[in-house]
């Protein structure tokens, strides 16, 4: 059968793979359609590099395989975008900053390589907040540009994995691989109507789900992780399974699930966001979920005490990546000289001054374990399968190309943008938990709202299964009209 452009753009990752593996859709045709889509929507600045020749060549290799060979590839012909801070040997890994523009590492990150080995096609590198030091993706580097929300190009898409989320939401690609340090996958997913997954990190040892040593331009080895951004939970689970080698999701039914509602993460929300989230909660309750109100009064104090971890670790971790990958600049001082975005220059000035060094050990060895114990006791004592709350306190804010959208209004009060958007996503990251943001609906103004599910460390596949069951009730958002 001949597939129309609209039919191809509507395919989820799982549907696209099934169509290509069964011979109903040629990978070459599908990739060509998406490359044309990317070119037509270049004004969104979702990508820093479009892999036109390489993607078509990879798709041709997939089409040349026998049906049996395609059947053995879990991602046969699936076009993906990879965030521009994740190592790719084919394309640049610039971190969205001028000093690294055009720099190509020698090898792929392990997570990327596993996707490619499974048949995925690298469509391009996704734009991002410069050096991942922000959550708006308002990047002023000449080779990047500010990423624009496809639901309203005058709004931010969230970040720092904003390009991934925009590419997926705008139907430029069915799936992407981003990174999440404090919320960088989940925030843009929430603001663009996508699914964003942060896998378990735990204490960074055996509990770390994705292992990509020296293969991601880092902020914090304690918190950084790669993770999928997709349009459905099933697609996130598909990429997760390929990267980790896990089997099918466990069976989960909503009836009988106990899900906690942590009070600090439901407090002081924008009314439009709270209305959508409460409607989603009622729909899940009608489907059989039992909700449990949970106080966690000490949560935000513990988060504040653990915050020096990222700020201090960037200094050594980013320097180590530059050296290990033989980057064109070898020190943070050199890197900082060409930073294009004013908000990132300000962040880097603080990083280089390293004011949090005296607080780092206490944050890592005292406060972080207390935070992890709080979560462990909450899951055990309250007997909850997961925690649920709005991913962000507000929907997408106006894009300010001059100041990097440094202030936003929440309930009529001016707040620092980064602090406001990170409030609900930082806790899981600080504790090393898995977190999954999925669409809850849209505000009266048509802006996407996400809800997040957090689970115990190591519960990733069950958390994805819970998210998939919730998704069946909440449904998918209508695509943006572009």
Protein backbone atom coordinates (compact mmCIF):
# COMPACT_ATOMS: atom_id res chain seq x y z
CA UNK A 1 0.00 0.00 0.00
CA UNK A 2 1.08 3.61 -0.55
CA UNK A 3 1.34 5.59 2.65
CA UNK A 4 0.34 9.24 2.59
CA UNK A 5 2.57 11.78 4.30
CA UNK A 6 -0.03 12.33 7.02
CA UNK A 7 -0.27 8.59 7.67
CA UNK A 8 3.49 8.33 8.03
CA UNK A 9 3.70 11.34 10.36
CA UNK A 10 0.99 9.87 12.58
CA UNK A 11 2.93 6.64 13.22
CA UNK A 12 4.21 6.01 16.70
CA UNK A 13 7.66 4.44 17.01
CA UNK A 14 6.17 1.00 17.66
CA UNK A 15 3.81 1.30 14.70
CA UNK A 16 6.58 2.47 12.38
CA UNK A 17 8.83 -0.45 13.32
CA UNK A 18 5.99 -2.93 12.80
CA UNK A 19 5.19 -1.47 9.37
CA UNK A 20 8.84 -1.56 8.24
CA UNK A 21 9.55 -5.06 9.62
CA UNK A 22 6.51 -6.50 7.82
CA UNK A 23 7.39 -4.77 4.53
CA UNK A 24 4.28 -2.57 4.52
CA UNK A 25 6.41 0.59 4.66
CA UNK A 26 9.84 1.20 3.16
CA UNK A 27 12.31 2.66 5.63
CA UNK A 28 13.68 4.85 2.84
CA UNK A 29 10.26 6.39 2.16
CA UNK A 30 9.64 6.99 5.86
CA UNK A 31 13.04 8.61 6.45
CA UNK A 32 12.64 10.79 3.37
CA UNK A 33 9.25 11.98 4.66
CA UNK A 34 10.71 12.90 8.05
CA UNK A 35 13.75 14.63 6.55
CA UNK A 36 11.39 16.75 4.46
CA UNK A 37 9.33 17.47 7.58
CA UNK A 38 12.45 18.56 9.46
CA UNK A 39 13.45 20.90 6.64
CA UNK A 40 9.97 22.39 6.44
CA UNK A 41 9.88 23.04 10.18
CA UNK A 42 13.45 24.32 10.50
CA UNK A 43 12.14 27.52 12.14
CA UNK A 44 11.36 25.52 15.29
CA UNK A 45 15.12 24.96 15.72
CA UNK A 46 14.52 21.42 16.94
CA UNK A 47 17.76 20.12 15.41
CA UNK A 48 21.32 21.39 15.23
CA UNK A 49 22.31 18.88 12.54
CA UNK A 50 20.16 17.00 10.02
CA UNK A 51 21.75 13.72 8.88
CA UNK A 52 20.30 13.69 5.37
CA UNK A 53 22.76 11.46 3.50
CA UNK A 54 23.60 9.22 6.44
CA UNK A 55 19.97 8.62 7.40
CA UNK A 56 18.93 7.75 3.85
CA UNK A 57 21.88 5.39 3.47
CA UNK A 58 21.01 3.64 6.73
CA UNK A 59 17.37 3.33 5.65
CA UNK A 60 18.45 1.80 2.34
CA UNK A 61 20.46 -0.81 4.23
CA UNK A 62 17.37 -1.72 6.23
CA UNK A 63 15.24 -2.03 3.09
CA UNK A 64 17.84 -4.36 1.55
CA UNK A 65 17.50 -6.87 4.40
CA UNK A 66 15.42 -10.03 4.09
CA UNK A 67 12.15 -10.28 6.05
CA UNK A 68 13.85 -12.64 8.54
CA UNK A 69 16.73 -10.20 9.06
CA UNK A 70 14.33 -7.30 9.64
CA UNK A 71 12.34 -9.40 12.09
CA UNK A 72 15.45 -9.78 14.24
CA UNK A 73 15.88 -6.00 14.58
CA UNK A 74 13.67 -4.53 17.34
CA UNK A 75 14.00 -1.02 15.86
CA UNK A 76 14.26 -1.83 12.16
CA UNK A 77 14.29 1.47 10.27
CA UNK A 78 13.18 3.62 13.22
CA UNK A 79 14.38 7.24 12.78
CA UNK A 80 15.57 8.79 16.05
CA UNK A 81 17.05 12.12 17.11
CA UNK A 82 19.82 12.22 19.71
CA UNK A 83 20.48 15.19 21.98
CA UNK A 84 23.52 17.21 21.00
CA UNK A 85 25.35 16.43 24.26
CA UNK A 86 25.34 12.63 23.71
CA UNK A 87 28.35 11.24 21.85
CA UNK A 88 27.76 10.25 18.23
CA UNK A 89 30.58 9.27 15.91
CA UNK A 90 28.61 10.21 12.78
CA UNK A 91 27.52 13.69 13.83
CA UNK A 92 28.70 16.55 16.01
CA UNK A 93 28.34 16.54 19.77
CA UNK A 94 28.45 20.25 20.55
CA UNK A 95 26.44 20.60 23.73
CA UNK A 96 24.81 23.50 21.91
CA UNK A 97 27.82 25.73 22.60
CA UNK A 98 30.07 27.51 20.06
CA UNK A 99 33.40 26.13 21.29
CA UNK A 100 32.28 22.59 20.43
CA UNK A 101 30.35 23.29 17.22
CA UNK A 102 31.30 20.67 14.63
CA UNK A 103 33.18 18.50 17.13
CA UNK A 104 32.66 14.78 16.48
CA UNK A 105 33.68 12.20 19.10
CA UNK A 106 35.39 9.00 18.03
CA UNK A 107 32.70 6.62 19.30
CA UNK A 108 28.98 6.49 20.00
CA UNK A 109 27.58 6.51 23.51
CA UNK A 110 26.66 2.97 24.51
CA UNK A 111 22.94 3.76 24.62
CA UNK A 112 23.12 5.22 21.10
CA UNK A 113 25.08 2.23 19.82
CA UNK A 114 22.52 -0.22 21.18
CA UNK A 115 19.73 1.62 19.40
CA UNK A 116 21.68 1.67 16.14
CA UNK A 117 22.58 -2.00 16.48
CA UNK A 118 18.86 -2.71 16.82
CA UNK A 119 18.16 -1.03 13.48
CA UNK A 120 17.51 2.60 14.45
CA UNK A 121 18.40 5.34 11.98
CA UNK A 122 20.08 8.51 13.26
CA UNK A 123 18.02 11.33 11.78
CA UNK A 124 19.89 14.20 13.42
CA UNK A 125 21.16 15.82 16.60
CA UNK A 126 18.60 17.57 18.78
CA UNK A 127 18.99 21.16 19.91
CA UNK A 128 19.18 21.95 23.62
CA UNK A 129 19.72 24.60 26.25
CA UNK A 130 23.36 25.56 25.90
CA UNK A 131 25.55 23.07 27.85
CA UNK A 132 22.31 21.76 29.43
CA UNK A 133 22.53 24.64 31.93
CA UNK A 134 18.88 25.66 31.82
CA UNK A 135 15.32 24.51 31.26
CA UNK A 136 14.01 26.83 28.50
CA UNK A 137 16.15 25.71 25.51
CA UNK A 138 16.53 29.40 24.65
CA UNK A 139 19.91 28.82 23.02
CA UNK A 140 21.56 31.87 21.46
CA UNK A 141 24.51 30.03 19.87
CA UNK A 142 24.67 30.71 16.11
CA UNK A 143 24.60 27.00 15.19
CA UNK A 144 21.62 26.30 17.44
CA UNK A 145 19.08 29.07 18.07
CA UNK A 146 16.17 29.17 20.52
CA UNK A 147 13.99 26.06 20.35
CA UNK A 148 10.32 26.89 19.84
CA UNK A 149 7.25 25.09 21.18
CA UNK A 150 5.23 23.61 18.28
CA UNK A 151 1.96 24.33 20.11
CA UNK A 152 2.90 28.03 20.06
CA UNK A 153 6.27 29.13 18.62
CA UNK A 154 6.22 32.14 20.93
CA UNK A 155 6.55 29.85 23.96
CA UNK A 156 9.42 27.86 25.42
CA UNK A 157 9.38 24.07 24.94
CA UNK A 158 11.18 23.39 28.23
CA UNK A 159 14.65 21.94 28.49
CA UNK A 160 17.34 21.21 28.46
CA UNK A 161 16.24 18.43 26.03
CA UNK A 162 13.92 20.87 24.27
CA UNK A 163 14.97 19.90 20.75
CA UNK A 164 14.16 16.24 21.37
CA UNK A 165 10.69 17.04 22.67
CA UNK A 166 9.91 19.46 19.84
CA UNK A 167 11.10 17.00 17.19
CA UNK A 168 8.88 14.28 18.63
CA UNK A 169 5.86 16.53 19.24
CA UNK A 170 6.10 18.15 15.79
CA UNK A 171 6.28 14.75 14.07
CA UNK A 172 9.83 15.33 12.84
CA UNK A 173 10.82 12.07 14.53
CA UNK A 174 8.86 9.38 16.38
CA UNK A 175 11.42 9.08 19.20
CA UNK A 176 14.47 10.72 20.69
CA UNK A 177 17.23 10.14 23.20
CA UNK A 178 17.78 12.99 25.63
CA UNK A 179 19.37 13.48 29.01
CA UNK A 180 17.97 14.29 32.44
CA UNK A 181 19.97 15.75 35.33
CA UNK A 182 17.24 17.50 37.31
CA UNK A 183 14.30 17.34 34.91
CA UNK A 184 15.71 17.91 31.42
CA UNK A 185 13.72 15.07 29.80
CA UNK A 186 10.53 15.34 31.81
CA UNK A 187 10.04 19.13 31.69
CA UNK A 188 10.11 19.51 27.88
CA UNK A 189 8.02 16.37 27.50
CA UNK A 190 5.37 17.91 29.76
CA UNK A 191 5.36 21.25 27.94
CA UNK A 192 5.06 19.69 24.47
CA UNK A 193 2.66 16.80 25.09
CA UNK A 194 5.24 14.00 24.97
CA UNK A 195 6.40 11.17 27.21
CA UNK A 196 9.71 11.74 28.99
CA UNK A 197 11.46 9.01 30.96
CA UNK A 198 14.24 9.32 33.52
CA UNK A 199 15.56 5.84 34.37
CA UNK A 200 16.90 4.79 37.78
CA UNK A 201 20.29 6.13 38.79
CA UNK A 202 20.30 5.25 42.49
CA UNK A 203 23.76 5.83 43.89
CA UNK A 204 25.36 5.50 40.47
CA UNK A 205 26.64 1.94 40.81
CA UNK A 206 24.73 -1.24 40.04
CA UNK A 207 21.47 0.68 40.45
CA UNK A 208 22.26 2.91 37.44
CA UNK A 209 20.06 1.67 34.60
CA UNK A 210 21.86 3.25 31.62
CA UNK A 211 25.67 3.18 31.58
CA UNK A 212 27.30 5.73 29.26
CA UNK A 213 30.69 6.54 30.84
CA UNK A 214 32.50 9.53 29.29
CA UNK A 215 29.91 9.54 26.49
CA UNK A 216 27.67 12.43 27.56
CA UNK A 217 28.84 16.02 28.04
CA UNK A 218 28.08 16.01 31.75
CA UNK A 219 26.81 18.18 34.55
CA UNK A 220 26.80 15.68 37.41
CA UNK A 221 27.90 12.03 37.51
CA UNK A 222 25.63 11.62 40.54
CA UNK A 223 22.48 12.74 38.71
CA UNK A 224 23.01 12.65 34.92
CA UNK A 225 21.31 9.97 32.86
CA UNK A 226 20.28 9.37 29.27
CA UNK A 227 16.57 8.69 28.69
CA UNK A 228 13.92 8.42 25.93
CA UNK A 229 11.43 11.04 24.78
CA UNK A 230 8.56 9.58 22.76
CA UNK A 231 4.87 10.07 22.00
CA UNK A 232 3.65 7.01 23.92
CA UNK A 233 4.74 5.13 27.01
CA UNK A 234 4.94 1.95 24.91
CA UNK A 235 7.54 3.64 22.72
CA UNK A 236 9.57 4.73 25.76
CA UNK A 237 9.41 1.15 27.02
CA UNK A 238 10.57 -0.10 23.60
CA UNK A 239 13.71 2.07 23.62
CA UNK A 240 14.34 1.22 27.28
CA UNK A 241 14.15 -2.50 26.52
CA UNK A 242 16.63 -2.20 23.66
CA UNK A 243 19.11 -0.21 25.74
CA UNK A 244 18.88 -2.50 28.78
CA UNK A 245 17.98 -5.88 27.27
CA UNK A 246 14.85 -6.15 29.42
CA UNK A 247 11.82 -8.18 28.46
CA UNK A 248 8.19 -7.15 27.99
CA UNK A 249 6.50 -4.95 30.56
CA UNK A 250 4.85 -6.67 33.54
CA UNK A 251 1.07 -6.87 33.55
CA UNK A 252 -0.52 -3.97 35.44
CA UNK A 253 -4.16 -3.10 35.98
CA UNK A 254 -5.24 0.20 37.47
CA UNK A 255 -7.85 -1.39 39.72
CA UNK A 256 -6.19 -1.91 43.09
CA UNK A 257 -3.18 0.31 42.49
CA UNK A 258 -2.27 2.62 45.37
CA UNK A 259 -0.71 5.87 44.20
CA UNK A 260 0.55 8.58 46.52
CA UNK A 261 -0.09 12.30 46.11
CA UNK A 262 2.88 14.11 47.73
CA UNK A 263 1.53 17.35 49.17
CA UNK A 264 4.63 19.54 48.51
CA UNK A 265 4.42 18.75 44.77
CA UNK A 266 0.72 19.67 44.56
CA UNK A 267 1.14 22.96 46.41
CA UNK A 268 1.19 26.39 44.74
CA UNK A 269 0.38 25.27 41.21
CA UNK A 270 -0.80 27.48 38.40
CA UNK A 271 -4.62 27.05 38.44
CA UNK A 272 -4.72 26.01 34.78
CA UNK A 273 -2.20 23.22 35.41
CA UNK A 274 -3.89 22.06 38.61
CA UNK A 275 -7.27 21.86 36.87
CA UNK A 276 -5.88 19.54 34.18
CA UNK A 277 -3.99 17.41 36.72
CA UNK A 278 -7.00 17.03 39.01
CA UNK A 279 -9.17 16.01 36.06
CA UNK A 280 -6.61 13.34 35.20
CA UNK A 281 -6.55 12.18 38.82
CA UNK A 282 -10.35 11.82 38.85
CA UNK A 283 -10.26 9.83 35.61
CA UNK A 284 -7.69 7.42 37.06
CA UNK A 285 -9.69 7.16 40.27
CA UNK A 286 -12.78 6.23 38.26
CA UNK A 287 -10.68 3.49 36.62
CA UNK A 288 -9.92 1.93 40.01
CA UNK A 289 -6.81 3.69 41.32
CA UNK A 290 -6.75 4.41 45.05
CA UNK A 291 -5.04 7.70 45.83
CA UNK A 292 -3.27 8.33 49.11
CA UNK A 293 -2.50 11.82 50.40
CA UNK A 294 1.13 11.95 51.59
CA UNK A 295 2.58 14.78 53.66
CA UNK A 296 6.37 14.55 53.15
CA UNK A 297 6.80 17.92 54.97
CA UNK A 298 10.60 17.66 54.99
CA UNK A 299 10.91 16.99 51.24
CA UNK A 300 11.71 20.50 50.02
CA UNK A 301 14.19 21.15 52.84
CA UNK A 302 16.10 18.01 51.89
CA UNK A 303 16.09 19.01 48.23
CA UNK A 304 17.60 22.36 49.13
CA UNK A 305 20.31 20.62 51.14
CA UNK A 306 21.21 18.26 48.27
CA UNK A 307 21.32 20.98 45.57
CA UNK A 308 25.10 21.62 45.86
CA UNK A 309 25.75 18.19 44.33
CA UNK A 310 25.20 19.23 40.71
CA UNK A 311 26.79 22.66 41.00
CA UNK A 312 30.02 21.27 42.44
CA UNK A 313 30.34 18.15 40.27
CA UNK A 314 30.11 20.05 36.97
CA UNK A 315 33.55 21.53 37.48
CA UNK A 316 35.43 18.21 37.42
CA UNK A 317 32.98 16.14 35.38
CA UNK A 318 32.79 18.44 32.37
CA UNK A 319 36.54 18.97 32.37
CA UNK A 320 37.06 15.19 32.41
CA UNK A 321 34.75 14.76 29.38
CA UNK A 322 36.65 17.39 27.39
CA UNK A 323 39.94 15.61 28.07
CA UNK A 324 38.66 12.04 27.61
CA UNK A 325 37.08 12.89 24.25
CA UNK A 326 39.98 15.03 22.98
CA UNK A 327 37.68 18.02 22.54
CA UNK A 328 38.91 21.18 20.80
CA UNK A 329 38.97 22.98 24.16
CA UNK A 330 40.36 21.24 27.23
CA UNK A 331 39.37 23.49 30.13
CA UNK A 332 36.14 25.01 31.39
CA UNK A 333 37.73 28.43 31.25
CA UNK A 334 38.28 28.03 27.49
CA UNK A 335 34.77 26.63 27.07
CA UNK A 336 33.24 29.52 28.98
CA UNK A 337 34.87 32.20 26.82
CA UNK A 338 32.54 31.55 23.88
CA UNK A 339 29.27 30.77 25.70
CA UNK A 340 26.54 32.54 23.72
CA UNK A 341 23.56 32.56 26.09
CA UNK A 342 23.61 35.18 28.89
CA UNK A 343 21.90 32.93 31.42
CA UNK A 344 24.45 30.17 30.82
CA UNK A 345 27.35 32.63 31.15
CA UNK A 346 25.96 33.54 34.56
CA UNK A 347 25.65 29.89 35.58
CA UNK A 348 29.20 29.15 34.45
CA UNK A 349 30.61 32.09 36.37
CA UNK A 350 29.12 30.52 39.49
CA UNK A 351 30.40 27.04 38.55
CA UNK A 352 33.94 28.33 38.08
CA UNK A 353 33.79 30.12 41.43
CA UNK A 354 32.61 26.82 43.01
CA UNK A 355 30.89 28.32 46.08
CA UNK A 356 29.31 24.97 46.94
CA UNK A 357 32.55 23.06 47.49
CA UNK A 358 32.33 23.31 51.32
CA UNK A 359 28.76 21.97 51.24
CA UNK A 360 29.32 19.14 48.77
CA UNK A 361 30.34 16.31 51.10
CA UNK A 362 27.46 16.93 53.49
CA UNK A 363 25.03 17.13 50.56
CA UNK A 364 26.28 13.83 49.14
CA UNK A 365 26.88 11.78 52.28
CA UNK A 366 24.35 13.18 54.76
CA UNK A 367 21.43 14.93 53.10
CA UNK A 368 21.07 12.79 49.99
CA UNK A 369 20.88 9.52 51.99
CA UNK A 370 18.23 11.13 54.20
CA UNK A 371 16.25 12.08 51.10
CA UNK A 372 16.55 8.54 49.74
CA UNK A 373 15.41 7.14 53.09
CA UNK A 374 12.40 9.48 53.06
CA UNK A 375 11.34 8.07 49.70
CA UNK A 376 12.02 4.46 50.72
CA UNK A 377 9.98 4.80 53.90
CA UNK A 378 7.17 6.60 52.02
CA UNK A 379 6.82 3.77 49.49
CA UNK A 380 6.98 1.14 52.23
CA UNK A 381 4.95 2.73 55.03
CA UNK A 382 2.19 4.16 52.85
CA UNK A 383 2.23 1.02 50.67
CA UNK A 384 2.08 2.99 47.42
CA UNK A 385 3.10 1.69 44.00
CA UNK A 386 4.09 5.13 42.73
CA UNK A 387 3.79 8.84 43.40
CA UNK A 388 1.81 11.12 41.08
CA UNK A 389 1.91 14.91 40.66
CA UNK A 390 2.04 17.57 37.92
CA UNK A 391 5.42 17.46 36.18
CA UNK A 392 5.67 21.25 36.22
CA UNK A 393 3.93 23.94 38.27
CA UNK A 394 2.99 25.89 35.16
CA UNK A 395 2.55 25.34 31.43
CA UNK A 396 4.89 26.74 28.77
CA UNK A 397 5.93 30.35 29.39
CA UNK A 398 6.68 33.03 26.77
CA UNK A 399 10.06 32.72 25.08
CA UNK A 400 12.36 35.63 25.82
CA UNK A 401 15.37 35.49 23.50
CA UNK A 402 17.18 38.28 25.30
CA UNK A 403 17.06 37.16 28.92
CA UNK A 404 16.57 33.44 28.43
CA UNK A 405 13.11 33.74 30.04
CA UNK A 406 14.75 34.37 33.41
CA UNK A 407 11.49 35.12 35.27
CA UNK A 408 8.01 33.61 35.08
CA UNK A 409 4.75 34.30 36.90
CA UNK A 410 3.25 31.59 39.10
CA UNK A 411 -0.06 32.55 40.70
CA UNK A 412 0.76 36.20 40.07
CA UNK A 413 4.17 36.01 41.75
CA UNK A 414 7.39 36.49 39.78
CA UNK A 415 9.68 33.47 40.17
CA UNK A 416 13.05 32.45 38.80
CA UNK A 417 12.26 30.36 35.74
CA UNK A 418 14.64 27.51 36.44
CA UNK A 419 13.58 27.20 40.07
CA UNK A 420 9.90 27.27 39.17
CA UNK A 421 10.09 24.56 36.52
CA UNK A 422 12.50 22.30 38.44
CA UNK A 423 10.51 22.24 41.66
CA UNK A 424 8.63 19.02 40.94
CA UNK A 425 11.23 17.17 38.86
CA UNK A 426 14.33 17.76 40.98
CA UNK A 427 13.27 15.55 43.95
CA UNK A 428 13.32 12.25 41.99
CA UNK A 429 16.61 13.22 40.35
CA UNK A 430 18.18 14.07 43.69
CA UNK A 431 17.18 10.70 45.10
CA UNK A 432 18.11 8.71 41.97
CA UNK A 433 14.54 7.49 41.37
CA UNK A 434 12.96 6.64 38.03
CA UNK A 435 10.47 9.26 36.84
CA UNK A 436 8.00 9.19 33.96
CA UNK A 437 6.14 12.22 32.61
CA UNK A 438 3.13 11.59 30.38
CA UNK A 439 0.48 13.90 28.93
CA UNK A 440 -2.44 14.68 31.26
CA UNK A 441 -4.34 16.97 28.90
CA UNK A 442 -4.35 20.58 27.75
CA UNK A 443 -5.25 23.83 29.45
CA UNK A 444 -8.15 25.99 28.29
CA UNK A 445 -5.58 27.86 26.21
CA UNK A 446 -4.55 24.62 24.50
CA UNK A 447 -1.18 24.14 26.21
CA UNK A 448 -0.01 20.65 27.14
CA UNK A 449 0.21 19.61 30.80
CA UNK A 450 2.19 16.62 32.03
CA UNK A 451 1.79 14.43 35.08
CA UNK A 452 4.72 12.55 36.54
CA UNK A 453 4.90 9.11 38.09
CA UNK A 454 7.89 8.35 40.34
CA UNK A 455 8.71 4.86 41.61
CA UNK A 456 11.26 3.17 43.86
CA UNK A 457 14.80 2.73 42.55
CA UNK A 458 14.90 -0.28 40.20
CA UNK A 459 11.15 -0.32 39.53
CA UNK A 460 11.58 1.09 36.01
CA UNK A 461 9.71 -1.55 34.02
CA UNK A 462 6.82 -1.63 36.49
CA UNK A 463 6.70 2.17 36.47
CA UNK A 464 6.50 2.15 32.68
CA UNK A 465 3.72 -0.44 32.89
CA UNK A 466 1.79 1.76 35.33
CA UNK A 467 2.31 4.71 33.02
CA UNK A 468 1.06 2.70 30.05
CA UNK A 469 -2.09 1.73 31.96
CA UNK A 470 -2.67 5.39 32.91
CA UNK A 471 -2.13 6.43 29.30
CA UNK A 472 -4.96 4.14 28.19
CA UNK A 473 -7.32 6.19 30.36
CA UNK A 474 -5.94 9.67 29.75
CA UNK A 475 -5.38 9.27 26.00
CA UNK A 476 -2.93 11.02 23.71
CA UNK A 477 -2.94 14.73 22.93
CA UNK A 478 -3.93 16.03 19.54
CA UNK A 479 -0.81 16.99 17.58
CA UNK A 480 0.10 20.66 17.25
CA UNK A 481 -1.26 22.48 14.23
CA UNK A 482 1.80 23.80 12.44
